[in-house]
């Protein structure tokens, strides 16, 4: 997850799995914690702009991650969530 976020100039702090829903070879995880953009700073501040989620059942798509288990048995992450 960290490598994927670095490719998109994002960083994360205190990320944890909130709710997890698994159906067969697909899963949806709602993350809690903070996701920050390294490219954009909030107006009037010197640091990155961050979004924080503390609700394990949040509907915010920025904290929704989908996973899919492929035939090799490994789970692969889609972030932001893969559209169905």
C-alpha atoms as a PDB file:
ATOM      1  CA  UNK A   1       0.000   0.000   0.000  1.00  0.00           C
ATOM      2  CA  UNK A   2       2.827   2.398   0.867  1.00  0.00           C
ATOM      3  CA  UNK A   3       4.539   1.859  -2.505  1.00  0.00           C
ATOM      4  CA  UNK A   4       1.270   2.464  -4.346  1.00  0.00           C
ATOM      5  CA  UNK A   5       0.661   5.701  -2.453  1.00  0.00           C
ATOM      6  CA  UNK A   6       4.200   6.945  -3.131  1.00  0.00           C
ATOM      7  CA  UNK A   7       3.556   6.606  -6.879  1.00  0.00           C
ATOM      8  CA  UNK A   8       0.698   9.083  -6.495  1.00  0.00           C
ATOM      9  CA  UNK A   9       2.564  11.584  -4.251  1.00  0.00           C
ATOM     10  CA  UNK A  10       0.512  10.534  -1.241  1.00  0.00           C
ATOM     11  CA  UNK A  11       1.562   9.651   2.262  1.00  0.00           C
ATOM     12  CA  UNK A  12      -0.386   8.035   5.071  1.00  0.00           C
ATOM     13  CA  UNK A  13      -0.358   8.154   8.847  1.00  0.00           C
ATOM     14  CA  UNK A  14      -1.908   5.687  11.286  1.00  0.00           C
ATOM     15  CA  UNK A  15      -3.725   3.712   8.571  1.00  0.00           C
ATOM     16  CA  UNK A  16      -5.690   0.738   9.806  1.00  0.00           C
ATOM     17  CA  UNK A  17      -8.442  -1.483   8.462  1.00  0.00           C
ATOM     18  CA  UNK A  18     -11.810  -0.304   9.720  1.00  0.00           C
ATOM     19  CA  UNK A  19     -14.605  -2.439   8.339  1.00  0.00           C
ATOM     20  CA  UNK A  20     -13.792  -5.374   6.070  1.00  0.00           C
ATOM     21  CA  UNK A  21     -16.298  -7.097   3.796  1.00  0.00           C
ATOM     22  CA  UNK A  22     -15.171 -10.218   1.930  1.00  0.00           C
ATOM     23  CA  UNK A  23     -17.258 -11.866  -0.768  1.00  0.00           C
ATOM     24  CA  UNK A  24     -15.503 -14.771  -2.461  1.00  0.00           C
ATOM     25  CA  UNK A  25     -12.337 -13.488  -4.121  1.00  0.00           C
ATOM     26  CA  UNK A  26     -13.187  -9.796  -3.626  1.00  0.00           C
ATOM     27  CA  UNK A  27     -12.956  -7.598  -0.546  1.00  0.00           C
ATOM     28  CA  UNK A  28     -13.733  -4.011   0.396  1.00  0.00           C
ATOM     29  CA  UNK A  29     -11.854  -2.350   3.254  1.00  0.00           C
ATOM     30  CA  UNK A  30     -12.647   1.039   4.749  1.00  0.00           C
ATOM     31  CA  UNK A  31      -9.422   2.573   6.051  1.00  0.00           C
ATOM     32  CA  UNK A  32      -9.119   4.770   9.112  1.00  0.00           C
ATOM     33  CA  UNK A  33      -6.241   7.211   9.575  1.00  0.00           C
ATOM     34  CA  UNK A  34      -4.893  10.104   7.494  1.00  0.00           C
ATOM     35  CA  UNK A  35      -3.956  10.357   3.833  1.00  0.00           C
ATOM     36  CA  UNK A  36      -1.901  13.382   2.781  1.00  0.00           C
ATOM     37  CA  UNK A  37      -1.068  14.881  -0.598  1.00  0.00           C
ATOM     38  CA  UNK A  38       2.620  15.739  -0.925  1.00  0.00           C
ATOM     39  CA  UNK A  39       2.023  17.867  -4.031  1.00  0.00           C
ATOM     40  CA  UNK A  40      -0.574  20.287  -2.736  1.00  0.00           C
ATOM     41  CA  UNK A  41      -0.494  22.306   0.435  1.00  0.00           C
ATOM     42  CA  UNK A  42      -3.507  23.815   2.085  1.00  0.00           C
ATOM     43  CA  UNK A  43      -3.777  27.586   1.627  1.00  0.00           C
ATOM     44  CA  UNK A  44      -1.972  29.471   4.392  1.00  0.00           C
ATOM     45  CA  UNK A  45      -0.064  26.420   5.633  1.00  0.00           C
ATOM     46  CA  UNK A  46       3.410  25.063   5.026  1.00  0.00           C
ATOM     47  CA  UNK A  47       2.501  21.386   5.221  1.00  0.00           C
ATOM     48  CA  UNK A  48       0.693  18.885   3.053  1.00  0.00           C
ATOM     49  CA  UNK A  49      -3.083  18.772   2.816  1.00  0.00           C
ATOM     50  CA  UNK A  50      -4.440  15.796   4.756  1.00  0.00           C
ATOM     51  CA  UNK A  51      -7.784  14.047   5.017  1.00  0.00           C
ATOM     52  CA  UNK A  52      -8.530  12.049   8.135  1.00  0.00           C
ATOM     53  CA  UNK A  53     -11.119   9.338   8.623  1.00  0.00           C
ATOM     54  CA  UNK A  54     -12.058   7.937  12.041  1.00  0.00           C
ATOM     55  CA  UNK A  55     -15.301   6.221  10.936  1.00  0.00           C
ATOM     56  CA  UNK A  56     -14.735   2.538  10.174  1.00  0.00           C
ATOM     57  CA  UNK A  57     -17.953   2.554   8.124  1.00  0.00           C
ATOM     58  CA  UNK A  58     -17.259   5.785   6.208  1.00  0.00           C
ATOM     59  CA  UNK A  59     -18.733   6.270   2.744  1.00  0.00           C
ATOM     60  CA  UNK A  60     -15.852   8.565   1.701  1.00  0.00           C
ATOM     61  CA  UNK A  61     -14.441   6.956  -1.482  1.00  0.00           C
ATOM     62  CA  UNK A  62     -10.947   8.204  -0.610  1.00  0.00           C
ATOM     63  CA  UNK A  63     -10.793   5.698   2.242  1.00  0.00           C
ATOM     64  CA  UNK A  64     -12.373   2.777   0.379  1.00  0.00           C
ATOM     65  CA  UNK A  65      -9.969   0.149  -0.907  1.00  0.00           C
ATOM     66  CA  UNK A  66     -10.914  -2.876  -2.959  1.00  0.00           C
ATOM     67  CA  UNK A  67      -8.911  -6.066  -3.080  1.00  0.00           C
ATOM     68  CA  UNK A  68      -9.099  -9.028  -5.391  1.00  0.00           C
ATOM     69  CA  UNK A  69      -7.610 -12.466  -4.845  1.00  0.00           C
ATOM     70  CA  UNK A  70      -6.189 -13.752  -8.114  1.00  0.00           C
ATOM     71  CA  UNK A  71      -5.455 -17.340  -9.135  1.00  0.00           C
ATOM     72  CA  UNK A  72      -1.970 -17.131  -7.585  1.00  0.00           C
ATOM     73  CA  UNK A  73      -3.675 -16.857  -4.168  1.00  0.00           C
ATOM     74  CA  UNK A  74      -2.353 -13.347  -3.490  1.00  0.00           C
ATOM     75  CA  UNK A  75      -4.597 -10.382  -2.711  1.00  0.00           C
ATOM     76  CA  UNK A  76      -4.117  -7.295  -4.905  1.00  0.00           C
ATOM     77  CA  UNK A  77      -5.093  -3.788  -3.821  1.00  0.00           C
ATOM     78  CA  UNK A  78      -6.954  -1.233  -5.944  1.00  0.00           C
ATOM     79  CA  UNK A  79      -6.666   2.287  -4.569  1.00  0.00           C
ATOM     80  CA  UNK A  80      -8.771   4.266  -5.012  1.00  0.00           C
ATOM     81  CA  UNK A  81     -11.453   1.637  -5.132  1.00  0.00           C
ATOM     82  CA  UNK A  82     -11.849  -0.215  -8.419  1.00  0.00           C
ATOM     83  CA  UNK A  83     -15.093   0.681 -10.156  1.00  0.00           C
ATOM     84  CA  UNK A  84     -17.473  -2.173 -10.858  1.00  0.00           C
END
